C-alpha atoms as a PDB file:
ATOM      1  CA  MET A   1      43.757 134.706  -8.280  1.00  0.00           C
ATOM      2  CA  THR A   2      42.762 131.465  -6.623  1.00  0.00           C
ATOM      3  CA  ILE A   3      41.713 128.162  -8.148  1.00  0.00           C
ATOM      4  CA  SER A   4      38.067 127.359  -7.475  1.00  0.00           C
ATOM      5  CA  GLY A   5      36.163 124.102  -7.372  1.00  0.00           C
ATOM      6  CA  ASN A   6      36.507 120.607  -5.978  1.00  0.00           C
ATOM      7  CA  PRO A   7      39.554 118.552  -7.087  1.00  0.00           C
ATOM      8  CA  ASP A   8      37.391 115.421  -7.399  1.00  0.00           C
ATOM      9  CA  ILE A   9      34.899 117.149  -9.667  1.00  0.00           C
ATOM     10  CA  THR A  10      36.038 120.355 -11.353  1.00  0.00           C
ATOM     11  CA  LEU A  11      38.696 123.083 -11.084  1.00  0.00           C
ATOM     12  CA  TYR A  12      38.909 126.476 -12.784  1.00  0.00           C
ATOM     13  CA  ASN A  13      40.919 129.691 -12.491  1.00  0.00           C
ATOM     14  CA  ASN A  14      38.292 132.164 -13.760  1.00  0.00           C
ATOM     15  CA  PRO A  15      34.495 132.291 -14.239  1.00  0.00           C
ATOM     16  CA  LEU A  16      33.253 129.446 -16.402  1.00  0.00           C
ATOM     17  CA  PRO A  17      31.916 129.902 -19.951  1.00  0.00           C
ATOM     18  CA  ARG A  18      28.145 130.221 -20.197  1.00  0.00           C
ATOM     19  CA  GLY A  19      27.741 126.755 -21.670  1.00  0.00           C
ATOM     20  CA  CYS A  20      29.472 125.185 -18.658  1.00  0.00           C
ATOM     21  CA  GLU A  21      27.462 127.262 -16.180  1.00  0.00           C
ATOM     22  CA  LEU A  22      24.216 125.916 -17.621  1.00  0.00           C
ATOM     23  CA  CYS A  23      25.560 122.356 -17.620  1.00  0.00           C
ATOM     24  CA  ARG A  24      26.227 122.706 -13.893  1.00  0.00           C
ATOM     25  CA  LEU A  25      22.549 123.550 -13.427  1.00  0.00           C
ATOM     26  CA  GLY A  26      21.545 120.440 -15.362  1.00  0.00           C
ATOM     27  CA  SER A  27      19.745 122.741 -17.781  1.00  0.00           C
ATOM     28  CA  LYS A  28      21.532 121.928 -21.050  1.00  0.00           C
ATOM     29  CA  LEU A  29      19.978 119.480 -23.481  1.00  0.00           C
ATOM     30  CA  VAL A  30      22.662 117.193 -24.915  1.00  0.00           C
ATOM     31  CA  VAL A  31      22.218 117.079 -28.694  1.00  0.00           C
ATOM     32  CA  PHE A  32      24.106 114.248 -30.356  1.00  0.00           C
ATOM     33  CA  ILE A  33      23.432 115.140 -33.957  1.00  0.00           C
ATOM     34  CA  SER A  34      25.529 112.481 -35.727  1.00  0.00           C
ATOM     35  CA  GLY A  35      28.406 110.148 -34.943  1.00  0.00           C
ATOM     36  CA  GLU A  36      30.091 110.748 -38.291  1.00  0.00           C
ATOM     37  CA  CYS A  37      33.570 112.247 -38.050  1.00  0.00           C
ATOM     38  CA  GLY A  38      36.513 112.554 -40.400  1.00  0.00           C
ATOM     39  CA  ASP A  39      39.028 112.075 -37.616  1.00  0.00           C
ATOM     40  CA  SER A  40      39.742 108.992 -35.529  1.00  0.00           C
ATOM     41  CA  CYS A  41      41.193 109.925 -32.139  1.00  0.00           C
ATOM     42  CA  TYR A  42      42.529 106.935 -30.230  1.00  0.00           C
ATOM     43  CA  TYR A  43      40.975 108.288 -27.031  1.00  0.00           C
ATOM     44  CA  CYS A  44      37.533 109.132 -28.443  1.00  0.00           C
ATOM     45  CA  PRO A  45      34.946 108.285 -25.741  1.00  0.00           C
ATOM     46  CA  VAL A  46      31.963 108.031 -28.128  1.00  0.00           C
ATOM     47  CA  SER A  47      30.293 104.638 -27.675  1.00  0.00           C
ATOM     48  CA  SER A  48      30.238 101.935 -30.341  1.00  0.00           C
ATOM     49  CA  GLU A  49      26.489 102.413 -30.883  1.00  0.00           C
ATOM     50  CA  ARG A  50      27.118 106.026 -31.946  1.00  0.00           C
ATOM     51  CA  PHE A  51      30.675 106.160 -33.328  1.00  0.00           C
ATOM     52  CA  ASN A  52      30.711 106.944 -37.074  1.00  0.00           C
ATOM     53  CA  LYS A  53      26.978 106.229 -37.283  1.00  0.00           C
ATOM     54  CA  ASP A  54      24.387 108.684 -38.562  1.00  0.00           C
ATOM     55  CA  ARG A  55      22.176 108.497 -35.484  1.00  0.00           C
ATOM     56  CA  MET A  56      20.625 111.261 -33.364  1.00  0.00           C
ATOM     57  CA  PHE A  57      20.158 111.328 -29.589  1.00  0.00           C
ATOM     58  CA  ALA A  58      18.468 113.817 -27.256  1.00  0.00           C
ATOM     59  CA  ASN A  59      20.208 113.289 -23.927  1.00  0.00           C
ATOM     60  CA  GLU A  60      20.132 109.471 -23.632  1.00  0.00           C
ATOM     61  CA  MET A  61      17.184 108.877 -25.965  1.00  0.00           C
ATOM     62  CA  GLU A  62      17.558 108.104 -29.664  1.00  0.00           C
ATOM     63  CA  VAL A  63      15.366 110.348 -31.800  1.00  0.00           C
ATOM     64  CA  LYS A  64      14.286 110.306 -35.433  1.00  0.00           C
ATOM     65  CA  GLU A  65      13.042 113.847 -36.016  1.00  0.00           C
ATOM     66  CA  LEU A  66      14.510 117.255 -35.134  1.00  0.00           C
ATOM     67  CA  MET A  67      11.223 118.135 -33.416  1.00  0.00           C
ATOM     68  CA  ASP A  68      12.000 115.433 -30.845  1.00  0.00           C
ATOM     69  CA  TYR A  69      14.745 117.719 -29.506  1.00  0.00           C
ATOM     70  CA  ILE A  70      12.133 120.389 -28.853  1.00  0.00           C
ATOM     71  CA  TYR A  71       9.906 117.917 -27.007  1.00  0.00           C
ATOM     72  CA  GLU A  72      12.798 116.748 -24.836  1.00  0.00           C
ATOM     73  CA  SER A  73      13.772 120.360 -24.098  1.00  0.00           C
ATOM     74  CA  TYR A  74      10.284 120.975 -22.735  1.00  0.00           C
ATOM     75  CA  ARG A  75      10.469 117.812 -20.615  1.00  0.00           C
ATOM     76  CA  MET A  76      13.511 119.137 -18.745  1.00  0.00           C
ATOM     77  CA  ASN A  77      12.745 122.857 -19.120  1.00  0.00           C
ATOM     78  CA  ALA A  78      16.110 123.287 -20.829  1.00  0.00           C
ATOM     79  CA  LEU A  79      17.793 126.683 -20.870  1.00  0.00           C
ATOM     80  CA  GLY A  80      20.114 125.725 -23.692  1.00  0.00           C
ATOM     81  CA  ALA A  81      21.643 122.942 -25.750  1.00  0.00           C
ATOM     82  CA  GLY A  82      25.096 121.571 -26.466  1.00  0.00           C
ATOM     83  CA  ILE A  83      25.505 120.125 -29.980  1.00  0.00           C
ATOM     84  CA  THR A  84      28.041 117.346 -30.293  1.00  0.00           C
ATOM     85  CA  GLY A  85      28.967 114.226 -32.276  1.00  0.00           C
ATOM     86  CA  GLY A  86      31.030 113.039 -34.199  1.00  0.00           C
ATOM     87  CA  ASP A  87      31.685 116.342 -35.860  1.00  0.00           C
ATOM     88  CA  PRO A  88      28.401 118.270 -36.138  1.00  0.00           C
ATOM     89  CA  ILE A  89      29.740 120.247 -39.098  1.00  0.00           C
ATOM     90  CA  LEU A  90      29.295 117.105 -41.209  1.00  0.00           C
ATOM     91  CA  ALA A  91      25.569 117.443 -40.449  1.00  0.00           C
ATOM     92  CA  LEU A  92      25.513 121.208 -40.999  1.00  0.00           C
ATOM     93  CA  SER A  93      22.056 121.378 -42.596  1.00  0.00           C
ATOM     94  CA  LYS A  94      20.501 119.564 -39.631  1.00  0.00           C
ATOM     95  CA  VAL A  95      22.499 121.688 -37.179  1.00  0.00           C
ATOM     96  CA  THR A  96      21.444 125.027 -38.643  1.00  0.00           C
ATOM     97  CA  GLU A  97      17.817 123.943 -38.941  1.00  0.00           C
ATOM     98  CA  LEU A  98      17.799 122.765 -35.335  1.00  0.00           C
ATOM     99  CA  ILE A  99      19.436 125.932 -33.990  1.00  0.00           C
ATOM    100  CA  GLY A 100      16.774 127.951 -35.789  1.00  0.00           C
ATOM    101  CA  MET A 101      14.052 125.768 -34.278  1.00  0.00           C
ATOM    102  CA  PHE A 102      15.487 126.251 -30.783  1.00  0.00           C
ATOM    103  CA  LYS A 103      15.687 130.024 -31.142  1.00  0.00           C
ATOM    104  CA  ASP A 104      12.200 130.280 -32.632  1.00  0.00           C
ATOM    105  CA  GLU A 105      10.695 128.117 -29.891  1.00  0.00           C
ATOM    106  CA  PHE A 106      12.570 129.355 -26.813  1.00  0.00           C
ATOM    107  CA  GLY A 107      13.943 132.770 -27.772  1.00  0.00           C
ATOM    108  CA  GLU A 108      17.392 134.261 -28.191  1.00  0.00           C
ATOM    109  CA  SER A 109      18.329 133.615 -24.553  1.00  0.00           C
ATOM    110  CA  PHE A 110      18.304 129.852 -25.217  1.00  0.00           C
ATOM    111  CA  HIS A 111      22.079 129.292 -25.170  1.00  0.00           C
ATOM    112  CA  ILE A 112      23.571 126.977 -27.779  1.00  0.00           C
ATOM    113  CA  HIS A 113      27.156 125.761 -27.986  1.00  0.00           C
ATOM    114  CA  LEU A 114      28.720 123.404 -30.515  1.00  0.00           C
ATOM    115  CA  TYR A 115      31.760 121.114 -30.558  1.00  0.00           C
ATOM    116  CA  THR A 116      33.950 120.586 -33.616  1.00  0.00           C
ATOM    117  CA  SER A 117      37.509 119.641 -34.474  1.00  0.00           C
ATOM    118  CA  GLY A 118      37.601 122.568 -36.894  1.00  0.00           C
ATOM    119  CA  ARG A 119      38.525 120.347 -39.825  1.00  0.00           C
ATOM    120  CA  TYR A 120      35.475 121.354 -41.859  1.00  0.00           C
ATOM    121  CA  VAL A 121      35.026 124.886 -40.509  1.00  0.00           C
ATOM    122  CA  THR A 122      35.186 127.597 -43.165  1.00  0.00           C
ATOM    123  CA  ASN A 123      34.053 131.209 -43.222  1.00  0.00           C
ATOM    124  CA  ASP A 124      30.870 130.133 -45.002  1.00  0.00           C
ATOM    125  CA  VAL A 125      30.167 127.564 -42.263  1.00  0.00           C
ATOM    126  CA  LEU A 126      30.771 130.102 -39.520  1.00  0.00           C
ATOM    127  CA  LYS A 127      28.538 132.673 -41.190  1.00  0.00           C
ATOM    128  CA  GLU A 128      25.695 130.123 -41.418  1.00  0.00           C
ATOM    129  CA  LEU A 129      26.074 129.210 -37.756  1.00  0.00           C
ATOM    130  CA  VAL A 130      26.232 132.815 -36.555  1.00  0.00           C
ATOM    131  CA  ASP A 131      23.327 133.929 -38.735  1.00  0.00           C
ATOM    132  CA  VAL A 132      21.063 131.224 -37.311  1.00  0.00           C
ATOM    133  CA  GLY A 133      22.012 132.048 -33.703  1.00  0.00           C
ATOM    134  CA  LEU A 134      24.922 129.905 -32.429  1.00  0.00           C
ATOM    135  CA  ASP A 135      26.284 131.439 -29.215  1.00  0.00           C
ATOM    136  CA  GLU A 136      29.457 129.494 -28.462  1.00  0.00           C
ATOM    137  CA  ILE A 137      31.832 127.217 -30.392  1.00  0.00           C
ATOM    138  CA  ARG A 138      34.388 124.814 -28.918  1.00  0.00           C
ATOM    139  CA  PHE A 139      37.281 123.466 -30.960  1.00  0.00           C
ATOM    140  CA  HIS A 140      39.290 120.291 -30.580  1.00  0.00           C
ATOM    141  CA  PRO A 141      42.337 121.143 -32.747  1.00  0.00           C
ATOM    142  CA  LEU A 142      43.762 117.686 -33.405  1.00  0.00           C
ATOM    143  CA  LYS A 143      46.172 118.969 -36.001  1.00  0.00           C
ATOM    144  CA  GLU A 144      48.127 122.186 -36.353  1.00  0.00           C
ATOM    145  CA  GLU A 145      46.187 123.212 -39.462  1.00  0.00           C
ATOM    146  CA  TYR A 146      42.886 123.072 -37.531  1.00  0.00           C
ATOM    147  CA  LYS A 147      43.999 126.153 -35.588  1.00  0.00           C
ATOM    148  CA  GLU A 148      43.199 128.213 -38.661  1.00  0.00           C
ATOM    149  CA  ALA A 149      39.489 127.513 -38.061  1.00  0.00           C
ATOM    150  CA  ILE A 150      39.837 128.975 -34.569  1.00  0.00           C
ATOM    151  CA  ARG A 151      41.376 132.143 -35.986  1.00  0.00           C
ATOM    152  CA  LYS A 152      38.472 132.441 -38.395  1.00  0.00           C
ATOM    153  CA  ALA A 153      35.889 131.949 -35.635  1.00  0.00           C
ATOM    154  CA  LEU A 154      37.454 134.710 -33.546  1.00  0.00           C
ATOM    155  CA  LYS A 155      36.394 137.213 -36.208  1.00  0.00           C
ATOM    156  CA  TYR A 156      32.709 136.470 -35.601  1.00  0.00           C
ATOM    157  CA  ASP A 157      30.280 137.343 -32.817  1.00  0.00           C
ATOM    158  CA  LEU A 158      30.850 134.076 -30.951  1.00  0.00           C
ATOM    159  CA  ASP A 159      32.339 132.943 -27.683  1.00  0.00           C
ATOM    160  CA  VAL A 160      35.275 130.850 -28.853  1.00  0.00           C
ATOM    161  CA  GLY A 161      36.912 128.147 -26.764  1.00  0.00           C
ATOM    162  CA  ILE A 162      39.032 125.025 -26.975  1.00  0.00           C
ATOM    163  CA  GLU A 163      38.083 121.678 -25.445  1.00  0.00           C
ATOM    164  CA  ILE A 164      40.617 118.853 -25.290  1.00  0.00           C
ATOM    165  CA  PRO A 165      41.323 115.792 -23.147  1.00  0.00           C
ATOM    166  CA  SER A 166      43.828 116.068 -20.325  1.00  0.00           C
ATOM    167  CA  ILE A 167      46.165 113.337 -21.534  1.00  0.00           C
ATOM    168  CA  PRO A 168      48.312 112.063 -18.658  1.00  0.00           C
ATOM    169  CA  GLY A 169      51.885 113.311 -18.970  1.00  0.00           C
ATOM    170  CA  ASP A 170      51.044 115.655 -21.873  1.00  0.00           C
ATOM    171  CA  ARG A 171      51.457 118.827 -19.846  1.00  0.00           C
ATOM    172  CA  GLU A 172      53.967 120.591 -22.098  1.00  0.00           C
ATOM    173  CA  ARG A 173      51.868 120.258 -25.253  1.00  0.00           C
ATOM    174  CA  ILE A 174      48.712 121.429 -23.418  1.00  0.00           C
ATOM    175  CA  VAL A 175      50.517 124.450 -21.952  1.00  0.00           C
ATOM    176  CA  GLU A 176      51.853 125.372 -25.374  1.00  0.00           C
ATOM    177  CA  LEU A 177      48.345 125.195 -26.860  1.00  0.00           C
ATOM    178  CA  ILE A 178      46.848 127.365 -24.090  1.00  0.00           C
ATOM    179  CA  LYS A 179      49.594 129.977 -24.534  1.00  0.00           C
ATOM    180  CA  TRP A 180      48.787 130.079 -28.233  1.00  0.00           C
ATOM    181  CA  ALA A 181      45.061 130.366 -27.459  1.00  0.00           C
ATOM    182  CA  GLU A 182      45.654 133.183 -24.983  1.00  0.00           C
ATOM    183  CA  LYS A 183      47.720 135.091 -27.544  1.00  0.00           C
ATOM    184  CA  GLU A 184      45.015 134.684 -30.197  1.00  0.00           C
ATOM    185  CA  GLY A 185      42.209 135.862 -27.888  1.00  0.00           C
ATOM    186  CA  VAL A 186      40.452 132.552 -27.210  1.00  0.00           C
ATOM    187  CA  LYS A 187      38.106 132.932 -24.248  1.00  0.00           C
ATOM    188  CA  PHE A 188      38.501 129.584 -22.487  1.00  0.00           C
ATOM    189  CA  VAL A 189      40.140 126.152 -22.585  1.00  0.00           C
ATOM    190  CA  ASN A 190      38.352 123.130 -21.126  1.00  0.00           C
ATOM    191  CA  LEU A 191      40.422 120.110 -20.078  1.00  0.00           C
ATOM    192  CA  ASN A 192      38.337 116.954 -19.896  1.00  0.00           C
ATOM    193  CA  GLU A 193      39.462 114.021 -17.811  1.00  0.00           C
ATOM    194  CA  MET A 194      40.466 111.113 -20.046  1.00  0.00           C
ATOM    195  CA  GLU A 195      37.809 108.402 -19.973  1.00  0.00           C
ATOM    196  CA  LEU A 196      38.185 104.678 -20.579  1.00  0.00           C
ATOM    197  CA  ASN A 197      35.204 102.816 -21.989  1.00  0.00           C
ATOM    198  CA  ASP A 198      34.429  99.613 -23.861  1.00  0.00           C
ATOM    199  CA  ARG A 199      35.385 101.041 -27.239  1.00  0.00           C
ATOM    200  CA  ASN A 200      38.618 102.915 -26.452  1.00  0.00           C
ATOM    201  CA  PHE A 201      39.903 100.705 -23.638  1.00  0.00           C
ATOM    202  CA  PHE A 202      42.379  98.701 -25.756  1.00  0.00           C
ATOM    203  CA  GLN A 203      43.887 101.834 -27.307  1.00  0.00           C
ATOM    204  CA  LEU A 204      44.333 103.561 -23.946  1.00  0.00           C
ATOM    205  CA  ASN A 205      45.395 100.470 -22.035  1.00  0.00           C
ATOM    206  CA  SER A 206      48.055  99.700 -24.657  1.00  0.00           C
ATOM    207  CA  ARG A 207      49.499 103.142 -23.889  1.00  0.00           C
ATOM    208  CA  GLY A 208      49.693 102.325 -20.198  1.00  0.00           C
ATOM    209  CA  MET A 209      46.532 104.138 -19.134  1.00  0.00           C
ATOM    210  CA  LYS A 210      44.322 102.616 -16.473  1.00  0.00           C
ATOM    211  CA  VAL A 211      41.265 103.736 -14.534  1.00  0.00           C
ATOM    212  CA  GLY A 212      42.327 105.732 -11.510  1.00  0.00           C
ATOM    213  CA  HIS A 213      39.402 108.028 -10.714  1.00  0.00           C
ATOM    214  CA  GLY A 214      35.728 107.211 -10.432  1.00  0.00           C
ATOM    215  CA  ILE A 215      34.434 104.567 -12.826  1.00  0.00           C
ATOM    216  CA  THR A 216      36.085 105.709 -16.073  1.00  0.00           C
ATOM    217  CA  GLY A 217      38.689 108.420 -15.306  1.00  0.00           C
ATOM    218  CA  ALA A 218      42.259 107.698 -16.440  1.00  0.00           C
ATOM    219  CA  LYS A 219      44.957 107.687 -13.794  1.00  0.00           C
ATOM    220  CA  GLY A 220      47.130 110.785 -14.055  1.00  0.00           C
ATOM    221  CA  SER A 221      44.669 112.863 -16.078  1.00  0.00           C
ATOM    222  CA  PHE A 222      43.622 115.001 -13.116  1.00  0.00           C
ATOM    223  CA  GLU A 223      47.224 115.544 -11.989  1.00  0.00           C
ATOM    224  CA  THR A 224      48.186 116.804 -15.454  1.00  0.00           C
ATOM    225  CA  ALA A 225      45.197 119.185 -15.532  1.00  0.00           C
ATOM    226  CA  ARG A 226      45.963 120.516 -12.051  1.00  0.00           C
ATOM    227  CA  GLU A 227      49.544 121.331 -13.039  1.00  0.00           C
ATOM    228  CA  VAL A 228      48.319 123.155 -16.131  1.00  0.00           C
ATOM    229  CA  ILE A 229      45.700 125.187 -14.249  1.00  0.00           C
ATOM    230  CA  ASN A 230      48.268 126.169 -11.625  1.00  0.00           C
ATOM    231  CA  GLU A 231      50.450 127.568 -14.377  1.00  0.00           C
ATOM    232  CA  PHE A 232      47.621 129.786 -15.625  1.00  0.00           C
ATOM    233  CA  LYS A 233      46.016 130.741 -12.318  1.00  0.00           C
ATOM    234  CA  GLU A 234      47.084 134.386 -12.688  1.00  0.00           C
ATOM    235  CA  LYS A 235      46.060 134.656 -16.344  1.00  0.00           C
ATOM    236  CA  GLU A 236      42.851 136.070 -17.830  1.00  0.00           C
ATOM    237  CA  ILE A 237      42.104 133.077 -20.051  1.00  0.00           C
ATOM    238  CA  THR A 238      39.806 130.606 -18.290  1.00  0.00           C
ATOM    239  CA  VAL A 239      41.272 127.128 -17.885  1.00  0.00           C
ATOM    240  CA  HIS A 240      38.726 124.606 -16.642  1.00  0.00           C
ATOM    241  CA  TYR A 241      39.162 120.959 -15.676  1.00  0.00           C
ATOM    242  CA  CYS A 242      36.025 118.793 -15.914  1.00  0.00           C
ATOM    243  CA  SER A 243      36.196 115.292 -14.423  1.00  0.00           C
ATOM    244  CA  SER A 244      34.512 112.122 -15.625  1.00  0.00           C
ATOM    245  CA  VAL A 245      32.856 111.922 -12.192  1.00  0.00           C
ATOM    246  CA  TYR A 246      31.281 115.315 -12.796  1.00  0.00           C
ATOM    247  CA  LYS A 247      29.985 114.358 -16.248  1.00  0.00           C
ATOM    248  CA  ASP A 248      28.766 110.897 -15.229  1.00  0.00           C
ATOM    249  CA  VAL A 249      27.359 111.652 -11.791  1.00  0.00           C
ATOM    250  CA  VAL A 250      26.889 115.325 -10.955  1.00  0.00           C
ATOM    251  CA  GLU A 251      25.812 116.706 -14.334  1.00  0.00           C
ATOM    252  CA  THR A 252      23.589 113.766 -15.225  1.00  0.00           C
ATOM    253  CA  ARG A 253      22.015 113.609 -11.770  1.00  0.00           C
ATOM    254  CA  THR A 254      21.320 117.355 -11.780  1.00  0.00           C
ATOM    255  CA  ARG A 255      19.702 117.064 -15.208  1.00  0.00           C
ATOM    256  CA  PHE A 256      17.609 114.112 -14.021  1.00  0.00           C
ATOM    257  CA  LEU A 257      16.454 116.036 -10.943  1.00  0.00           C
ATOM    258  CA  ARG A 258      15.525 118.969 -13.171  1.00  0.00           C
ATOM    259  CA  THR A 259      13.531 116.650 -15.439  1.00  0.00           C
ATOM    260  CA  ILE A 260      11.727 115.221 -12.400  1.00  0.00           C
ATOM    261  CA  ARG A 261      10.892 118.687 -11.158  1.00  0.00           C
ATOM    262  CA  PHE A 262       9.233 119.706 -14.419  1.00  0.00           C
ATOM    263  CA  SER A 263       7.898 116.434 -15.835  1.00  0.00           C
ATOM    264  CA  SER A 264       7.236 113.866 -13.115  1.00  0.00           C
ATOM    265  CA  LYS A 265       3.658 112.861 -12.346  1.00  0.00           C
ATOM    266  CA  ALA A 266       1.914 113.522  -9.070  1.00  0.00           C
ATOM    267  CA  TYR A 267       1.932 109.846  -8.085  1.00  0.00           C
ATOM    268  CA  GLU A 268       5.713 109.447  -8.616  1.00  0.00           C
ATOM    269  CA  ASP A 269       8.268 109.750  -5.836  1.00  0.00           C
ATOM    270  CA  PHE A 270      11.960 110.417  -6.444  1.00  0.00           C
ATOM    271  CA  THR A 271      15.396 109.900  -4.893  1.00  0.00           C
ATOM    272  CA  GLY A 272      18.335 112.231  -4.327  1.00  0.00           C
ATOM    273  CA  GLU A 273      20.140 110.396  -7.121  1.00  0.00           C
ATOM    274  CA  GLY A 274      17.609 111.659  -9.653  1.00  0.00           C
ATOM    275  CA  THR A 275      15.570 108.505 -10.155  1.00  0.00           C
ATOM    276  CA  ILE A 276      11.793 108.016 -10.171  1.00  0.00           C
ATOM    277  CA  VAL A 277      10.186 105.613  -7.693  1.00  0.00           C
ATOM    278  CA  ARG A 278       6.665 104.277  -8.179  1.00  0.00           C
ATOM    279  CA  ALA A 279       4.552 101.311  -7.135  1.00  0.00           C
ATOM    280  CA  ILE A 280       3.231  98.895  -9.755  1.00  0.00           C
ATOM    281  CA  VAL A 281       0.030  97.327  -8.426  1.00  0.00           C
ATOM    282  CA  LYS A 282      -1.837  94.287  -9.740  1.00  0.00           C
ATOM    283  CA  GLY A 283      -5.442  93.846  -8.699  1.00  0.00           C
ATOM    284  CA  LYS A 284      -8.885  95.386  -8.827  1.00  0.00           C
ATOM    285  CA  VAL A 285      -8.733  98.994  -7.681  1.00  0.00           C
ATOM    286  CA  ASP A 286     -11.761 101.295  -7.897  1.00  0.00           C
ATOM    287  CA  GLY A 287     -11.152 105.032  -8.239  1.00  0.00           C
ATOM    288  CA  LEU A 288      -7.758 106.273  -9.350  1.00  0.00           C
ATOM    289  CA  ILE A 289      -7.220 109.020  -6.816  1.00  0.00           C
ATOM    290  CA  TYR A 290      -3.489 108.455  -6.441  1.00  0.00           C
ATOM    291  CA  GLY A 291      -2.365 106.951  -9.741  1.00  0.00           C
ATOM    292  CA  GLU A 292      -3.216 105.732 -13.245  1.00  0.00           C
ATOM    293  CA  ARG A 293      -4.192 102.581 -15.050  1.00  0.00           C
ATOM    294  CA  ILE A 294      -1.319 101.188 -17.165  1.00  0.00           C
ATOM    295  CA  GLY A 295      -2.894  97.857 -18.190  1.00  0.00           C
ATOM    296  CA  LYS A 296      -5.671  95.412 -17.402  1.00  0.00           C
ATOM    297  CA  ASN A 297      -5.855  95.267 -13.591  1.00  0.00           C
ATOM    298  CA  LEU A 298      -2.438  96.973 -13.546  1.00  0.00           C
ATOM    299  CA  TYR A 299      -1.838 100.387 -12.007  1.00  0.00           C
ATOM    300  CA  SER A 300       0.949 102.844 -11.179  1.00  0.00           C
ATOM    301  CA  PHE A 301       0.652 104.431  -7.722  1.00  0.00           C
ATOM    302  CA  TYR A 302       2.524 106.647  -5.303  1.00  0.00           C
ATOM    303  CA  PRO A 303       4.484 104.306  -3.001  1.00  0.00           C
ATOM    304  CA  GLY A 304       3.186 106.003   0.136  1.00  0.00           C
ATOM    305  CA  VAL A 305      -0.399 104.773  -0.363  1.00  0.00           C
ATOM    306  CA  ILE A 306       0.363 101.054  -0.732  1.00  0.00           C
ATOM    307  CA  ASP A 307      -0.769 100.058   2.756  1.00  0.00           C
ATOM    308  CA  GLU A 308      -4.091 101.841   2.203  1.00  0.00           C
ATOM    309  CA  LEU A 309      -4.605 100.123  -1.156  1.00  0.00           C
ATOM    310  CA  ILE A 310      -3.876  96.677   0.243  1.00  0.00           C
ATOM    311  CA  SER A 311      -6.305  97.218   3.127  1.00  0.00           C
ATOM    312  CA  LYS A 312      -9.163  98.542   0.942  1.00  0.00           C
ATOM    313  CA  TYR A 313      -8.935  96.720  -2.378  1.00  0.00           C
ATOM    314  CA  ASP A 314      -8.340  93.316  -3.890  1.00  0.00           C
ATOM    315  CA  VAL A 315      -4.604  93.731  -4.487  1.00  0.00           C
ATOM    316  CA  SER A 316      -2.678  90.639  -5.610  1.00  0.00           C
ATOM    317  CA  GLU A 317       0.847  92.022  -6.041  1.00  0.00           C
ATOM    318  CA  VAL A 318       2.882  95.191  -5.474  1.00  0.00           C
ATOM    319  CA  LYS A 319       6.332  95.975  -6.854  1.00  0.00           C
ATOM    320  CA  ILE A 320       8.442  99.061  -6.217  1.00  0.00           C
ATOM    321  CA  VAL A 321      10.195 100.166  -9.393  1.00  0.00           C
ATOM    322  CA  GLU A 322      13.047 102.676  -9.638  1.00  0.00           C
ATOM    323  CA  GLU A 323      13.652 104.243 -13.059  1.00  0.00           C
ATOM    324  CA  HIS A 324      15.524 107.011 -14.812  1.00  0.00           C
ATOM    325  CA  PRO A 325      13.198 109.984 -15.413  1.00  0.00           C
ATOM    326  CA  ASP A 326      14.032 110.500 -19.086  1.00  0.00           C
ATOM    327  CA  SER A 327      11.912 109.260 -21.952  1.00  0.00           C
ATOM    328  CA  ARG A 328      13.536 105.812 -21.986  1.00  0.00           C
ATOM    329  CA  ARG A 329      12.432 105.047 -18.411  1.00  0.00           C
ATOM    330  CA  LEU A 330      15.451 102.783 -17.975  1.00  0.00           C
ATOM    331  CA  LYS A 331      14.772 100.491 -15.016  1.00  0.00           C
ATOM    332  CA  VAL A 332      17.326 100.734 -12.200  1.00  0.00           C
ATOM    333  CA  SER A 333      15.749  98.248  -9.812  1.00  0.00           C
ATOM    334  CA  GLU A 334      12.550  96.335  -9.102  1.00  0.00           C
ATOM    335  CA  ARG A 335      11.533  94.599  -5.900  1.00  0.00           C
ATOM    336  CA  LEU A 336       8.434  92.708  -4.858  1.00  0.00           C
ATOM    337  CA  ILE A 337       7.058  94.076  -1.586  1.00  0.00           C
ATOM    338  CA  TYR A 338       3.666  92.361  -1.428  1.00  0.00           C
ATOM    339  CA  SER A 339       2.120  89.190  -2.795  1.00  0.00           C
ATOM    340  CA  LYS A 340      -1.386  88.137  -1.780  1.00  0.00           C
ATOM    341  CA  PRO A 341      -1.337  84.849   0.130  1.00  0.00           C
ATOM    342  CA  GLN A 342      -2.777  81.997  -1.864  1.00  0.00           C
ATOM    343  CA  GLN A 343      -5.862  80.383  -0.350  1.00  0.00           C
ATOM    344  CA  THR A 344      -5.508  76.644   0.125  1.00  0.00           C
ATOM    345  CA  SER A 345      -8.572  74.441  -0.190  1.00  0.00           C
ATOM    346  CA  TYR A 346      -8.854  71.047   1.499  1.00  0.00           C
ATOM    347  CA  SER A 347     -11.146  68.208   0.417  1.00  0.00           C
ATOM    348  CA  SER A 348     -12.207  65.362   2.637  1.00  0.00           C
END
C-alpha cells in the first residue's frame, strides 16, 4: 500500500472514514454542543470563550436553540454533522434530541459523528445514541480505563474510531495505542496536528513546543504522525493525519464556498478564499435591479455595477466590503472606492 495525501495538509494509508470524507467536501456542520468536560487536557485547543462553558455553536455562530442547527444546515446544504465539545456525553439529552431532529429533517443518509473521551460512555448511553441514529463515534482515550468504552462501542452498529493529537516525540505511545485498536477491531485512528492557541500556549510552550507549521501547528507534530503512518502503511486499520492547516484553511474555506454556493444572494460576488464581496452604496438610487435596500439611502449592490450606478444616480459614497459568508457576516476588509466631490461655494 502507498500513503496518500499531501504532507502539508493530510496523509492516510487507507480510505478515510465517512465523517472525514464529508469534511473534505466542506459539507459537515460543526456542532459544538457544550464546552463542559470532566477532563482537562493540557493541549486542549478549545478556546477560552467555549472551554468548560455551557454554550452552543453551529459552525462559528453561537446559537440558543437546537432548531438553529437545522437552519444553519440548510444554509450550507450540509450532508452531515460532527458533534463535539467539551464532551458531548455530558449534554446527552440535547445530543440525542438533536440527532433525532437531523434524521427527521434530512433523512437517514445525513451522516452524524460524535467525539468523546469515553469517560461517561456506558452501554445505556451507546444504546440511546444508536437508537436515535448516530453513525460514527470517535474516542479520545485519555486514560487506560477509557478504553473499556471503546470495547463497548464495538458491540454496536457504529463505525468506531480513535482521534488523538500527534504529540511531538510521542511516537511509541501512539503506535502502542494503534496496535491495541487494530487488535480490538477499531476502524480508524485520526492523528490531529497539535495546535497552539491563546489558551493552551503556556502549557505547550512550557513543554518546549513552538509553532512550526502554518499559523498554529506545533513543530514536530507532523514528523511524529508521518513516522506512525509509515509503520502502519501495510495494515488494514486506517491511520489518518489531519493538519492544522487543513482544519483552519482548507476545510473552513471549502465549507464557506459551499455556503456561498447555496445561500449567497444574486448581488453578492465571492473570492476563491470563500469570502463574500459586495458594494455598500450611500445615495438616492431608484429601482433596485441589482441589489437591496439595507437602510435609509443605503444599499447593497453587486460590485460590477458601481460605475453604472455612479453615472446614473446621486451616489455619495461607495465601499467594497469583504465578509465571511456564515450567519455572523464577520467583516474581513472594507475599503472606500468612491466619495462624491464636495461642491465649494464662493461668495463675493
